[in-house]
Amino acid sequence: MVCHDRPEQTCDRPPYAVEQTLKRLGANLRTARLRRNLTIGDMAAKIGTGQRAVADAEKGKPSTGIAVYAAMLWALDLLDHIADVAAPEKDEEGQTLALSRERARARPKTGLDNDF
């Protein structure tokens, strides 16, 4: 991640909002795992990773790869929710920007046809 004030240096931490979201996601994953009566070891074995990766994801560590988070969601049968969040039809700001960039026709369409 690049710092905004010094682009040549990298930041130690992600933006606050990202950090808080990862912590919330991690806590939710832990709650879902415990509700299913799975240990960290069970989860790690199910997704093919180490126990440390699962524990780090549950803590919301930004250094944990998105594949671990996605695999945990899959193991908990919650993976569909991640795609729903980023669905194009839910991106109202993006839709507004795209519509504002559409150009009007340079000249009105006339009644021309292909009959010669």
PDB file of N, CA and C in Angstrom:
ATOM      1  N   MET A   1       0.838  -1.165   0.000  1.00  0.00           N
ATOM      2  CA  MET A   1       0.000   0.000   0.000  1.00  0.00           C
ATOM      3  C   MET A   1       0.887   1.234   0.000  1.00  0.00           C
ATOM      4  N   VAL A   2       0.515   2.223  -0.748  1.00  0.00           N
ATOM      5  CA  VAL A   2       1.310   3.434  -0.879  1.00  0.00           C
ATOM      6  C   VAL A   2       0.732   4.516   0.016  1.00  0.00           C
ATOM      7  N   CYS A   3       1.612   5.203   0.738  1.00  0.00           N
ATOM      8  CA  CYS A   3       1.170   6.330   1.561  1.00  0.00           C
ATOM      9  C   CYS A   3       0.792   7.490   0.651  1.00  0.00           C
ATOM     10  N   HIS A   4      -0.218   8.228   1.038  1.00  0.00           N
ATOM     11  CA  HIS A   4      -0.683   9.333   0.205  1.00  0.00           C
ATOM     12  C   HIS A   4       0.263  10.523   0.235  1.00  0.00           C
ATOM     13  N   ASP A   5       0.894  10.784   1.359  1.00  0.00           N
ATOM     14  CA  ASP A   5       1.750  11.950   1.440  1.00  0.00           C
ATOM     15  C   ASP A   5       3.158  11.679   0.907  1.00  0.00           C
ATOM     16  N   ARG A   6       3.574  10.426   0.898  1.00  0.00           N
ATOM     17  CA  ARG A   6       4.892  10.069   0.364  1.00  0.00           C
ATOM     18  C   ARG A   6       4.771   8.823  -0.498  1.00  0.00           C
ATOM     19  N   PRO A   7       4.475   8.985  -1.803  1.00  0.00           N
ATOM     20  CA  PRO A   7       4.229   7.832  -2.671  1.00  0.00           C
ATOM     21  C   PRO A   7       5.422   6.896  -2.821  1.00  0.00           C
ATOM     22  N   GLU A   8       6.615   7.364  -2.538  1.00  0.00           N
ATOM     23  CA  GLU A   8       7.783   6.505  -2.697  1.00  0.00           C
ATOM     24  C   GLU A   8       7.954   5.527  -1.535  1.00  0.00           C
ATOM     25  N   GLN A   9       7.211   5.709  -0.456  1.00  0.00           N
ATOM     26  CA  GLN A   9       7.303   4.826   0.701  1.00  0.00           C
ATOM     27  C   GLN A   9       6.011   4.039   0.868  1.00  0.00           C
ATOM     28  N   THR A  10       6.115   2.886   1.473  1.00  0.00           N
ATOM     29  CA  THR A  10       4.914   2.090   1.727  1.00  0.00           C
ATOM     30  C   THR A  10       4.430   2.328   3.145  1.00  0.00           C
ATOM     31  N   CYS A  11       3.152   2.161   3.357  1.00  0.00           N
ATOM     32  CA  CYS A  11       2.553   2.344   4.677  1.00  0.00           C
ATOM     33  C   CYS A  11       2.655   1.043   5.470  1.00  0.00           C
ATOM     34  N   ASP A  12       2.693   1.178   6.765  1.00  0.00           N
ATOM     35  CA  ASP A  12       2.680   0.000   7.627  1.00  0.00           C
ATOM     36  C   ASP A  12       1.270  -0.518   7.830  1.00  0.00           C
ATOM     37  N   ARG A  13       0.295   0.358   7.705  1.00  0.00           N
ATOM     38  CA  ARG A  13      -1.087  -0.015   7.978  1.00  0.00           C
ATOM     39  C   ARG A  13      -1.993   0.454   6.850  1.00  0.00           C
ATOM     40  N   PRO A  14      -3.079  -0.281   6.636  1.00  0.00           N
ATOM     41  CA  PRO A  14      -4.056   0.152   5.618  1.00  0.00           C
ATOM     42  C   PRO A  14      -4.875   1.319   6.169  1.00  0.00           C
ATOM     43  N   PRO A  15      -5.701   1.941   5.335  1.00  0.00           N
ATOM     44  CA  PRO A  15      -6.589   2.996   5.838  1.00  0.00           C
ATOM     45  C   PRO A  15      -7.456   2.473   6.983  1.00  0.00           C
ATOM     46  N   TYR A  16      -7.812   3.371   7.862  1.00  0.00           N
ATOM     47  CA  TYR A  16      -8.565   3.016   9.059  1.00  0.00           C
ATOM     48  C   TYR A  16      -9.831   2.226   8.740  1.00  0.00           C
ATOM     49  N   ALA A  17     -10.580   2.674   7.740  1.00  0.00           N
ATOM     50  CA  ALA A  17     -11.835   1.998   7.392  1.00  0.00           C
ATOM     51  C   ALA A  17     -11.584   0.551   6.963  1.00  0.00           C
ATOM     52  N   VAL A  18     -10.509   0.310   6.225  1.00  0.00           N
ATOM     53  CA  VAL A  18     -10.165  -1.045   5.793  1.00  0.00           C
ATOM     54  C   VAL A  18      -9.785  -1.884   7.004  1.00  0.00           C
ATOM     55  N   GLU A  19      -8.980  -1.315   7.869  1.00  0.00           N
ATOM     56  CA  GLU A  19      -8.545  -2.021   9.074  1.00  0.00           C
ATOM     57  C   GLU A  19      -9.740  -2.439   9.929  1.00  0.00           C
ATOM     58  N   GLN A  20     -10.681  -1.528  10.133  1.00  0.00           N
ATOM     59  CA  GLN A  20     -11.858  -1.825  10.947  1.00  0.00           C
ATOM     60  C   GLN A  20     -12.758  -2.870  10.286  1.00  0.00           C
ATOM     61  N   THR A  21     -12.888  -2.800   8.979  1.00  0.00           N
ATOM     62  CA  THR A  21     -13.711  -3.771   8.256  1.00  0.00           C
ATOM     63  C   THR A  21     -13.109  -5.166   8.355  1.00  0.00           C
ATOM     64  N   LEU A  22     -11.784  -5.272   8.227  1.00  0.00           N
ATOM     65  CA  LEU A  22     -11.125  -6.573   8.356  1.00  0.00           C
ATOM     66  C   LEU A  22     -11.292  -7.139   9.763  1.00  0.00           C
ATOM     67  N   LYS A  23     -11.206  -6.283  10.769  1.00  0.00           N
ATOM     68  CA  LYS A  23     -11.404  -6.750  12.151  1.00  0.00           C
ATOM     69  C   LYS A  23     -12.825  -7.260  12.351  1.00  0.00           C
ATOM     70  N   ARG A  24     -13.782  -6.532  11.785  1.00  0.00           N
ATOM     71  CA  ARG A  24     -15.186  -6.956  11.903  1.00  0.00           C
ATOM     72  C   ARG A  24     -15.415  -8.265  11.156  1.00  0.00           C
ATOM     73  N   LEU A  25     -14.841  -8.387   9.944  1.00  0.00           N
ATOM     74  CA  LEU A  25     -14.954  -9.624   9.179  1.00  0.00           C
ATOM     75  C   LEU A  25     -14.338 -10.786   9.946  1.00  0.00           C
ATOM     76  N   GLY A  26     -13.153 -10.566  10.498  1.00  0.00           N
ATOM     77  CA  GLY A  26     -12.487 -11.613  11.270  1.00  0.00           C
ATOM     78  C   GLY A  26     -13.312 -12.075  12.461  1.00  0.00           C
ATOM     79  N   ALA A  27     -13.877 -11.118  13.187  1.00  0.00           N
ATOM     80  CA  ALA A  27     -14.712 -11.456  14.339  1.00  0.00           C
ATOM     81  C   ALA A  27     -15.956 -12.230  13.900  1.00  0.00           C
ATOM     82  N   ASN A  28     -16.536 -11.826  12.780  1.00  0.00           N
ATOM     83  CA  ASN A  28     -17.714 -12.533  12.268  1.00  0.00           C
ATOM     84  C   ASN A  28     -17.369 -13.949  11.824  1.00  0.00           C
ATOM     85  N   LEU A  29     -16.193 -14.113  11.205  1.00  0.00           N
ATOM     86  CA  LEU A  29     -15.757 -15.456  10.804  1.00  0.00           C
ATOM     87  C   LEU A  29     -15.549 -16.340  12.031  1.00  0.00           C
ATOM     88  N   ARG A  30     -14.969 -15.779  13.068  1.00  0.00           N
ATOM     89  CA  ARG A  30     -14.743 -16.542  14.303  1.00  0.00           C
ATOM     90  C   ARG A  30     -16.087 -16.966  14.910  1.00  0.00           C
ATOM     91  N   THR A  31     -17.021 -16.048  14.975  1.00  0.00           N
ATOM     92  CA  THR A  31     -18.345 -16.360  15.520  1.00  0.00           C
ATOM     93  C   THR A  31     -19.010 -17.472  14.708  1.00  0.00           C
ATOM     94  N   ALA A  32     -18.934 -17.377  13.379  1.00  0.00           N
ATOM     95  CA  ALA A  32     -19.540 -18.401  12.515  1.00  0.00           C
ATOM     96  C   ALA A  32     -18.863 -19.755  12.722  1.00  0.00           C
ATOM     97  N   ARG A  33     -17.542 -19.749  12.873  1.00  0.00           N
ATOM     98  CA  ARG A  33     -16.809 -21.008  13.110  1.00  0.00           C
ATOM     99  C   ARG A  33     -17.224 -21.637  14.431  1.00  0.00           C
ATOM    100  N   LEU A  34     -17.299 -20.821  15.466  1.00  0.00           N
ATOM    101  CA  LEU A  34     -17.670 -21.341  16.788  1.00  0.00           C
ATOM    102  C   LEU A  34     -19.112 -21.852  16.809  1.00  0.00           C
ATOM    103  N   ARG A  35     -20.002 -21.174  16.108  1.00  0.00           N
ATOM    104  CA  ARG A  35     -21.399 -21.628  16.041  1.00  0.00           C
ATOM    105  C   ARG A  35     -21.511 -22.998  15.384  1.00  0.00           C
ATOM    106  N   ARG A  36     -20.570 -23.294  14.504  1.00  0.00           N
ATOM    107  CA  ARG A  36     -20.555 -24.603  13.831  1.00  0.00           C
ATOM    108  C   ARG A  36     -19.724 -25.625  14.604  1.00  0.00           C
ATOM    109  N   ASN A  37     -19.254 -25.210  15.765  1.00  0.00           N
ATOM    110  CA  ASN A  37     -18.496 -26.082  16.654  1.00  0.00           C
ATOM    111  C   ASN A  37     -17.216 -26.604  15.998  1.00  0.00           C
ATOM    112  N   LEU A  38     -16.547 -25.733  15.223  1.00  0.00           N
ATOM    113  CA  LEU A  38     -15.290 -26.092  14.574  1.00  0.00           C
ATOM    114  C   LEU A  38     -14.130 -25.463  15.332  1.00  0.00           C
ATOM    115  N   THR A  39     -13.042 -26.203  15.452  1.00  0.00           N
ATOM    116  CA  THR A  39     -11.833 -25.638  16.040  1.00  0.00           C
ATOM    117  C   THR A  39     -11.049 -24.922  14.949  1.00  0.00           C
ATOM    118  N   ILE A  40     -10.057 -24.165  15.366  1.00  0.00           N
ATOM    119  CA  ILE A  40      -9.180 -23.518  14.390  1.00  0.00           C
ATOM    120  C   ILE A  40      -8.494 -24.586  13.542  1.00  0.00           C
ATOM    121  N   GLY A  41      -8.111 -25.678  14.165  1.00  0.00           N
ATOM    122  CA  GLY A  41      -7.491 -26.785  13.435  1.00  0.00           C
ATOM    123  C   GLY A  41      -8.414 -27.396  12.405  1.00  0.00           C
ATOM    124  N   ASP A  42      -9.694 -27.562  12.779  1.00  0.00           N
ATOM    125  CA  ASP A  42     -10.684 -28.085  11.831  1.00  0.00           C
ATOM    126  C   ASP A  42     -10.804 -27.172  10.611  1.00  0.00           C
ATOM    127  N   MET A  43     -10.880 -25.869  10.887  1.00  0.00           N
ATOM    128  CA  MET A  43     -11.013 -24.902   9.794  1.00  0.00           C
ATOM    129  C   MET A  43      -9.775 -24.920   8.904  1.00  0.00           C
ATOM    130  N   ALA A  44      -8.606 -24.939   9.527  1.00  0.00           N
ATOM    131  CA  ALA A  44      -7.359 -24.946   8.758  1.00  0.00           C
ATOM    132  C   ALA A  44      -7.275 -26.179   7.861  1.00  0.00           C
ATOM    133  N   ALA A  45      -7.651 -27.323   8.399  1.00  0.00           N
ATOM    134  CA  ALA A  45      -7.616 -28.560   7.610  1.00  0.00           C
ATOM    135  C   ALA A  45      -8.623 -28.501   6.467  1.00  0.00           C
ATOM    136  N   LYS A  46      -9.781 -27.939   6.727  1.00  0.00           N
ATOM    137  CA  LYS A  46     -10.833 -27.880   5.716  1.00  0.00           C
ATOM    138  C   LYS A  46     -10.450 -26.989   4.540  1.00  0.00           C
ATOM    139  N   ILE A  47      -9.713 -25.891   4.813  1.00  0.00           N
ATOM    140  CA  ILE A  47      -9.354 -24.975   3.727  1.00  0.00           C
ATOM    141  C   ILE A  47      -7.923 -25.169   3.240  1.00  0.00           C
ATOM    142  N   GLY A  48      -7.203 -26.100   3.853  1.00  0.00           N
ATOM    143  CA  GLY A  48      -5.857 -26.423   3.381  1.00  0.00           C
ATOM    144  C   GLY A  48      -4.808 -25.385   3.702  1.00  0.00           C
ATOM    145  N   THR A  49      -4.867 -24.840   4.891  1.00  0.00           N
ATOM    146  CA  THR A  49      -3.866 -23.862   5.325  1.00  0.00           C
ATOM    147  C   THR A  49      -3.481 -24.148   6.767  1.00  0.00           C
ATOM    148  N   GLY A  50      -2.605 -23.341   7.293  1.00  0.00           N
ATOM    149  CA  GLY A  50      -2.165 -23.528   8.672  1.00  0.00           C
ATOM    150  C   GLY A  50      -3.084 -22.855   9.672  1.00  0.00           C
ATOM    151  N   GLN A  51      -2.967 -23.271  10.921  1.00  0.00           N
ATOM    152  CA  GLN A  51      -3.783 -22.703  11.983  1.00  0.00           C
ATOM    153  C   GLN A  51      -3.481 -21.220  12.190  1.00  0.00           C
ATOM    154  N   ARG A  52      -2.226 -20.838  11.970  1.00  0.00           N
ATOM    155  CA  ARG A  52      -1.847 -19.430  12.144  1.00  0.00           C
ATOM    156  C   ARG A  52      -2.605 -18.542  11.162  1.00  0.00           C
ATOM    157  N   ALA A  53      -2.760 -18.994   9.915  1.00  0.00           N
ATOM    158  CA  ALA A  53      -3.481 -18.198   8.904  1.00  0.00           C
ATOM    159  C   ALA A  53      -4.931 -17.996   9.315  1.00  0.00           C
ATOM    160  N   VAL A  54      -5.547 -19.034   9.845  1.00  0.00           N
ATOM    161  CA  VAL A  54      -6.944 -18.926  10.298  1.00  0.00           C
ATOM    162  C   VAL A  54      -7.031 -17.971  11.483  1.00  0.00           C
ATOM    163  N   ALA A  55      -6.129 -18.119  12.439  1.00  0.00           N
ATOM    164  CA  ALA A  55      -6.127 -17.240  13.615  1.00  0.00           C
ATOM    165  C   ALA A  55      -5.893 -15.788  13.207  1.00  0.00           C
ATOM    166  N   ASP A  56      -4.970 -15.569  12.269  1.00  0.00           N
ATOM    167  CA  ASP A  56      -4.699 -14.211  11.795  1.00  0.00           C
ATOM    168  C   ASP A  56      -5.909 -13.607  11.090  1.00  0.00           C
ATOM    169  N   ALA A  57      -6.598 -14.419  10.299  1.00  0.00           N
ATOM    170  CA  ALA A  57      -7.802 -13.933   9.613  1.00  0.00           C
ATOM    171  C   ALA A  57      -8.870 -13.557  10.634  1.00  0.00           C
ATOM    172  N   GLU A  58      -9.019 -14.364  11.657  1.00  0.00           N
ATOM    173  CA  GLU A  58     -10.026 -14.072  12.683  1.00  0.00           C
ATOM    174  C   GLU A  58      -9.676 -12.824  13.488  1.00  0.00           C
ATOM    175  N   LYS A  59      -8.416 -12.463  13.510  1.00  0.00           N
ATOM    176  CA  LYS A  59      -7.989 -11.216  14.165  1.00  0.00           C
ATOM    177  C   LYS A  59      -8.119 -10.031  13.209  1.00  0.00           C
ATOM    178  N   GLY A  60      -8.369 -10.314  11.935  1.00  0.00           N
ATOM    179  CA  GLY A  60      -8.511  -9.253  10.951  1.00  0.00           C
ATOM    180  C   GLY A  60      -7.190  -8.660  10.510  1.00  0.00           C
ATOM    181  N   LYS A  61      -6.138  -9.453  10.539  1.00  0.00           N
ATOM    182  CA  LYS A  61      -4.827  -8.945  10.144  1.00  0.00           C
ATOM    183  C   LYS A  61      -4.803  -8.653   8.647  1.00  0.00           C
ATOM    184  N   PRO A  62      -4.383  -7.442   8.259  1.00  0.00           N
ATOM    185  CA  PRO A  62      -4.353  -7.078   6.845  1.00  0.00           C
ATOM    186  C   PRO A  62      -3.326  -7.861   6.035  1.00  0.00           C
ATOM    187  N   SER A  63      -2.353  -8.451   6.696  1.00  0.00           N
ATOM    188  CA  SER A  63      -1.342  -9.226   5.980  1.00  0.00           C
ATOM    189  C   SER A  63      -1.856 -10.589   5.541  1.00  0.00           C
ATOM    190  N   THR A  64      -3.003 -11.000   6.047  1.00  0.00           N
ATOM    191  CA  THR A  64      -3.597 -12.275   5.661  1.00  0.00           C
ATOM    192  C   THR A  64      -4.175 -12.136   4.255  1.00  0.00           C
ATOM    193  N   GLY A  65      -3.875 -13.087   3.398  1.00  0.00           N
ATOM    194  CA  GLY A  65      -4.335 -13.031   2.011  1.00  0.00           C
ATOM    195  C   GLY A  65      -5.838 -13.165   1.893  1.00  0.00           C
ATOM    196  N   ILE A  66      -6.368 -12.534   0.861  1.00  0.00           N
ATOM    197  CA  ILE A  66      -7.818 -12.583   0.636  1.00  0.00           C
ATOM    198  C   ILE A  66      -8.273 -14.021   0.365  1.00  0.00           C
ATOM    199  N   ALA A  67      -7.367 -14.858  -0.143  1.00  0.00           N
ATOM    200  CA  ALA A  67      -7.729 -16.250  -0.405  1.00  0.00           C
ATOM    201  C   ALA A  67      -8.092 -16.977   0.895  1.00  0.00           C
ATOM    202  N   VAL A  68      -7.438 -16.632   1.989  1.00  0.00           N
ATOM    203  CA  VAL A  68      -7.760 -17.259   3.277  1.00  0.00           C
ATOM    204  C   VAL A  68      -9.155 -16.830   3.719  1.00  0.00           C
ATOM    205  N   TYR A  69      -9.427 -15.525   3.623  1.00  0.00           N
ATOM    206  CA  TYR A  69     -10.762 -15.040   3.993  1.00  0.00           C
ATOM    207  C   TYR A  69     -11.829 -15.709   3.119  1.00  0.00           C
ATOM    208  N   ALA A  70     -11.599 -15.763   1.814  1.00  0.00           N
ATOM    209  CA  ALA A  70     -12.564 -16.363   0.894  1.00  0.00           C
ATOM    210  C   ALA A  70     -12.744 -17.855   1.178  1.00  0.00           C
ATOM    211  N   ALA A  71     -11.653 -18.554   1.462  1.00  0.00           N
ATOM    212  CA  ALA A  71     -11.741 -19.990   1.761  1.00  0.00           C
ATOM    213  C   ALA A  71     -12.524 -20.229   3.048  1.00  0.00           C
ATOM    214  N   MET A  72     -12.320 -19.374   4.022  1.00  0.00           N
ATOM    215  CA  MET A  72     -13.077 -19.520   5.271  1.00  0.00           C
ATOM    216  C   MET A  72     -14.560 -19.274   5.022  1.00  0.00           C
ATOM    217  N   LEU A  73     -14.877 -18.271   4.219  1.00  0.00           N
ATOM    218  CA  LEU A  73     -16.277 -18.031   3.873  1.00  0.00           C
ATOM    219  C   LEU A  73     -16.871 -19.239   3.149  1.00  0.00           C
ATOM    220  N   TRP A  74     -16.081 -19.835   2.257  1.00  0.00           N
ATOM    221  CA  TRP A  74     -16.530 -21.036   1.549  1.00  0.00           C
ATOM    222  C   TRP A  74     -16.794 -22.180   2.535  1.00  0.00           C
ATOM    223  N   ALA A  75     -15.840 -22.401   3.442  1.00  0.00           N
ATOM    224  CA  ALA A  75     -15.969 -23.500   4.406  1.00  0.00           C
ATOM    225  C   ALA A  75     -17.192 -23.317   5.305  1.00  0.00           C
ATOM    226  N   LEU A  76     -17.573 -22.083   5.526  1.00  0.00           N
ATOM    227  CA  LEU A  76     -18.727 -21.785   6.376  1.00  0.00           C
ATOM    228  C   LEU A  76     -20.015 -21.623   5.561  1.00  0.00           C
ATOM    229  N   ASP A  77     -19.924 -21.909   4.265  1.00  0.00           N
ATOM    230  CA  ASP A  77     -21.044 -21.792   3.333  1.00  0.00           C
ATOM    231  C   ASP A  77     -21.593 -20.364   3.279  1.00  0.00           C
ATOM    232  N   LEU A  78     -20.670 -19.389   3.293  1.00  0.00           N
ATOM    233  CA  LEU A  78     -21.033 -17.976   3.243  1.00  0.00           C
ATOM    234  C   LEU A  78     -20.396 -17.255   2.064  1.00  0.00           C
ATOM    235  N   LEU A  79     -19.773 -17.982   1.169  1.00  0.00           N
ATOM    236  CA  LEU A  79     -19.012 -17.371   0.083  1.00  0.00           C
ATOM    237  C   LEU A  79     -19.873 -16.539  -0.861  1.00  0.00           C
ATOM    238  N   ASP A  80     -21.116 -16.927  -1.076  1.00  0.00           N
ATOM    239  CA  ASP A  80     -21.981 -16.175  -1.990  1.00  0.00           C
ATOM    240  C   ASP A  80     -22.150 -14.725  -1.562  1.00  0.00           C
ATOM    241  N   HIS A  81     -22.055 -14.465  -0.274  1.00  0.00           N
ATOM    242  CA  HIS A  81     -22.243 -13.104   0.233  1.00  0.00           C
ATOM    243  C   HIS A  81     -21.158 -12.151  -0.249  1.00  0.00           C
ATOM    244  N   ILE A  82     -19.962 -12.653  -0.460  1.00  0.00           N
ATOM    245  CA  ILE A  82     -18.859 -11.783  -0.882  1.00  0.00           C
ATOM    246  C   ILE A  82     -19.095 -11.266  -2.299  1.00  0.00           C
ATOM    247  N   ALA A  83     -19.651 -12.080  -3.161  1.00  0.00           N
ATOM    248  CA  ALA A  83     -19.932 -11.645  -4.531  1.00  0.00           C
ATOM    249  C   ALA A  83     -21.099 -10.664  -4.560  1.00  0.00           C
ATOM    250  N   ASP A  84     -22.063 -10.839  -3.680  1.00  0.00           N
ATOM    251  CA  ASP A  84     -23.217  -9.947  -3.638  1.00  0.00           C
ATOM    252  C   ASP A  84     -22.820  -8.523  -3.280  1.00  0.00           C
ATOM    253  N   VAL A  85     -21.831  -8.367  -2.426  1.00  0.00           N
ATOM    254  CA  VAL A  85     -21.391  -7.043  -1.984  1.00  0.00           C
ATOM    255  C   VAL A  85     -20.845  -6.236  -3.151  1.00  0.00           C
ATOM    256  N   ALA A  86     -20.127  -6.887  -4.044  1.00  0.00           N
ATOM    257  CA  ALA A  86     -19.477  -6.183  -5.152  1.00  0.00           C
ATOM    258  C   ALA A  86     -20.277  -6.265  -6.451  1.00  0.00           C
ATOM    259  N   ALA A  87     -21.535  -6.623  -6.375  1.00  0.00           N
ATOM    260  CA  ALA A  87     -22.351  -6.755  -7.587  1.00  0.00           C
ATOM    261  C   ALA A  87     -22.479  -5.405  -8.289  1.00  0.00           C
ATOM    262  N   PRO A  88     -22.316  -5.389  -9.626  1.00  0.00           N
ATOM    263  CA  PRO A  88     -22.373  -4.133 -10.373  1.00  0.00           C
ATOM    264  C   PRO A  88     -23.677  -3.354 -10.169  1.00  0.00           C
ATOM    265  N   GLU A  89     -24.776  -4.051 -10.015  1.00  0.00           N
ATOM    266  CA  GLU A  89     -26.048  -3.348  -9.852  1.00  0.00           C
ATOM    267  C   GLU A  89     -26.137  -2.635  -8.500  1.00  0.00           C
ATOM    268  N   LYS A  90     -25.281  -2.978  -7.556  1.00  0.00           N
ATOM    269  CA  LYS A  90     -25.268  -2.309  -6.255  1.00  0.00           C
ATOM    270  C   LYS A  90     -24.301  -1.132  -6.223  1.00  0.00           C
ATOM    271  N   ASP A  91     -23.550  -0.937  -7.281  1.00  0.00           N
ATOM    272  CA  ASP A  91     -22.569   0.145  -7.352  1.00  0.00           C
ATOM    273  C   ASP A  91     -23.240   1.401  -7.906  1.00  0.00           C
ATOM    274  N   GLU A  92     -24.031   2.046  -7.064  1.00  0.00           N
ATOM    275  CA  GLU A  92     -24.795   3.213  -7.504  1.00  0.00           C
ATOM    276  C   GLU A  92     -23.883   4.351  -7.943  1.00  0.00           C
ATOM    277  N   GLU A  93     -22.794   4.577  -7.212  1.00  0.00           N
ATOM    278  CA  GLU A  93     -21.875   5.655  -7.584  1.00  0.00           C
ATOM    279  C   GLU A  93     -21.242   5.380  -8.940  1.00  0.00           C
ATOM    280  N   GLY A  94     -20.822   4.137  -9.170  1.00  0.00           N
ATOM    281  CA  GLY A  94     -20.230   3.772 -10.455  1.00  0.00           C
ATOM    282  C   GLY A  94     -21.217   3.923 -11.600  1.00  0.00           C
ATOM    283  N   GLN A  95     -22.468   3.539 -11.359  1.00  0.00           N
ATOM    284  CA  GLN A  95     -23.496   3.687 -12.394  1.00  0.00           C
ATOM    285  C   GLN A  95     -23.728   5.156 -12.726  1.00  0.00           C
ATOM    286  N   THR A  96     -23.758   5.995 -11.704  1.00  0.00           N
ATOM    287  CA  THR A  96     -23.949   7.429 -11.924  1.00  0.00           C
ATOM    288  C   THR A  96     -22.804   8.011 -12.724  1.00  0.00           C
ATOM    289  N   LEU A  97     -21.568   7.639 -12.375  1.00  0.00           N
ATOM    290  CA  LEU A  97     -20.400   8.130 -13.109  1.00  0.00           C
ATOM    291  C   LEU A  97     -20.431   7.675 -14.566  1.00  0.00           C
ATOM    292  N   ALA A  98     -20.793   6.420 -14.799  1.00  0.00           N
ATOM    293  CA  ALA A  98     -20.841   5.900 -16.170  1.00  0.00           C
ATOM    294  C   ALA A  98     -21.888   6.633 -16.993  1.00  0.00           C
ATOM    295  N   LEU A  99     -23.043   6.897 -16.393  1.00  0.00           N
ATOM    296  CA  LEU A  99     -24.093   7.620 -17.107  1.00  0.00           C
ATOM    297  C   LEU A  99     -23.677   9.057 -17.421  1.00  0.00           C
ATOM    298  N   SER A 100     -22.944   9.675 -16.519  1.00  0.00           N
ATOM    299  CA  SER A 100     -22.526  11.064 -16.758  1.00  0.00           C
ATOM    300  C   SER A 100     -21.485  11.163 -17.868  1.00  0.00           C
ATOM    301  N   ARG A 101     -20.779  10.074 -18.130  1.00  0.00           N
ATOM    302  CA  ARG A 101     -19.761  10.075 -19.175  1.00  0.00           C
ATOM    303  C   ARG A 101     -20.305   9.711 -20.547  1.00  0.00           C
ATOM    304  N   GLU A 102     -21.505   9.179 -20.604  1.00  0.00           N
ATOM    305  CA  GLU A 102     -22.078   8.815 -21.896  1.00  0.00           C
ATOM    306  C   GLU A 102     -22.282  10.060 -22.728  1.00  0.00           C
ATOM    307  N   ARG A 103     -21.886   9.983 -23.956  1.00  0.00           N
ATOM    308  CA  ARG A 103     -22.002  11.138 -24.847  1.00  0.00           C
ATOM    309  C   ARG A 103     -23.331  11.094 -25.581  1.00  0.00           C
ATOM    310  N   ALA A 104     -23.861  12.258 -25.775  1.00  0.00           N
ATOM    311  CA  ALA A 104     -25.065  12.362 -26.597  1.00  0.00           C
ATOM    312  C   ALA A 104     -24.642  12.234 -28.059  1.00  0.00           C
ATOM    313  N   ARG A 105     -25.552  11.845 -28.913  1.00  0.00           N
ATOM    314  CA  ARG A 105     -25.224  11.719 -30.338  1.00  0.00           C
ATOM    315  C   ARG A 105     -24.833  13.085 -30.883  1.00  0.00           C
ATOM    316  N   ALA A 106     -23.826  13.112 -31.739  1.00  0.00           N
ATOM    317  CA  ALA A 106     -23.347  14.363 -32.328  1.00  0.00           C
ATOM    318  C   ALA A 106     -24.405  14.984 -33.218  1.00  0.00           C
ATOM    319  N   ARG A 107     -25.127  14.163 -33.923  1.00  0.00           N
ATOM    320  CA  ARG A 107     -26.213  14.676 -34.757  1.00  0.00           C
ATOM    321  C   ARG A 107     -27.379  13.714 -34.653  1.00  0.00           C
ATOM    322  N   PRO A 108     -28.548  14.240 -34.789  1.00  0.00           N
ATOM    323  CA  PRO A 108     -29.713  13.375 -34.646  1.00  0.00           C
ATOM    324  C   PRO A 108     -29.769  12.316 -35.743  1.00  0.00           C
ATOM    325  N   LYS A 109     -30.294  11.199 -35.390  1.00  0.00           N
ATOM    326  CA  LYS A 109     -30.435  10.106 -36.349  1.00  0.00           C
ATOM    327  C   LYS A 109     -31.507  10.491 -37.365  1.00  0.00           C
ATOM    328  N   THR A 110     -31.146  10.385 -38.638  1.00  0.00           N
ATOM    329  CA  THR A 110     -32.110  10.742 -39.681  1.00  0.00           C
ATOM    330  C   THR A 110     -32.811   9.489 -40.160  1.00  0.00           C
ATOM    331  N   GLY A 111     -33.750   9.679 -41.022  1.00  0.00           N
ATOM    332  CA  GLY A 111     -34.549   8.572 -41.530  1.00  0.00           C
ATOM    333  C   GLY A 111     -33.875   7.812 -42.654  1.00  0.00           C
ATOM    334  N   LEU A 112     -32.552   7.731 -42.692  1.00  0.00           N
ATOM    335  CA  LEU A 112     -31.853   6.992 -43.743  1.00  0.00           C
ATOM    336  C   LEU A 112     -32.031   5.500 -43.548  1.00  0.00           C
ATOM    337  N   ASP A 113     -32.089   4.797 -44.681  1.00  0.00           N
ATOM    338  CA  ASP A 113     -32.137   3.339 -44.596  1.00  0.00           C
ATOM    339  C   ASP A 113     -31.157   2.773 -45.632  1.00  0.00           C
ATOM    340  N   ASN A 114     -31.104   1.494 -45.754  1.00  0.00           N
ATOM    341  CA  ASN A 114     -30.157   0.841 -46.644  1.00  0.00           C
ATOM    342  C   ASN A 114     -30.752   0.477 -48.001  1.00  0.00           C
ATOM    343  N   ASP A 115     -31.891   1.049 -48.366  1.00  0.00           N
ATOM    344  CA  ASP A 115     -32.490   0.787 -49.682  1.00  0.00           C
ATOM    345  C   ASP A 115     -31.813   1.684 -50.715  1.00  0.00           C
ATOM    346  N   PHE A 116     -31.147   1.081 -51.693  1.00  0.00           N
ATOM    347  CA  PHE A 116     -30.430   1.874 -52.722  1.00  0.00           C
ATOM    348  C   PHE A 116     -31.135   1.797 -54.027  1.00  0.00           C
TER     349      PHE A 116
END
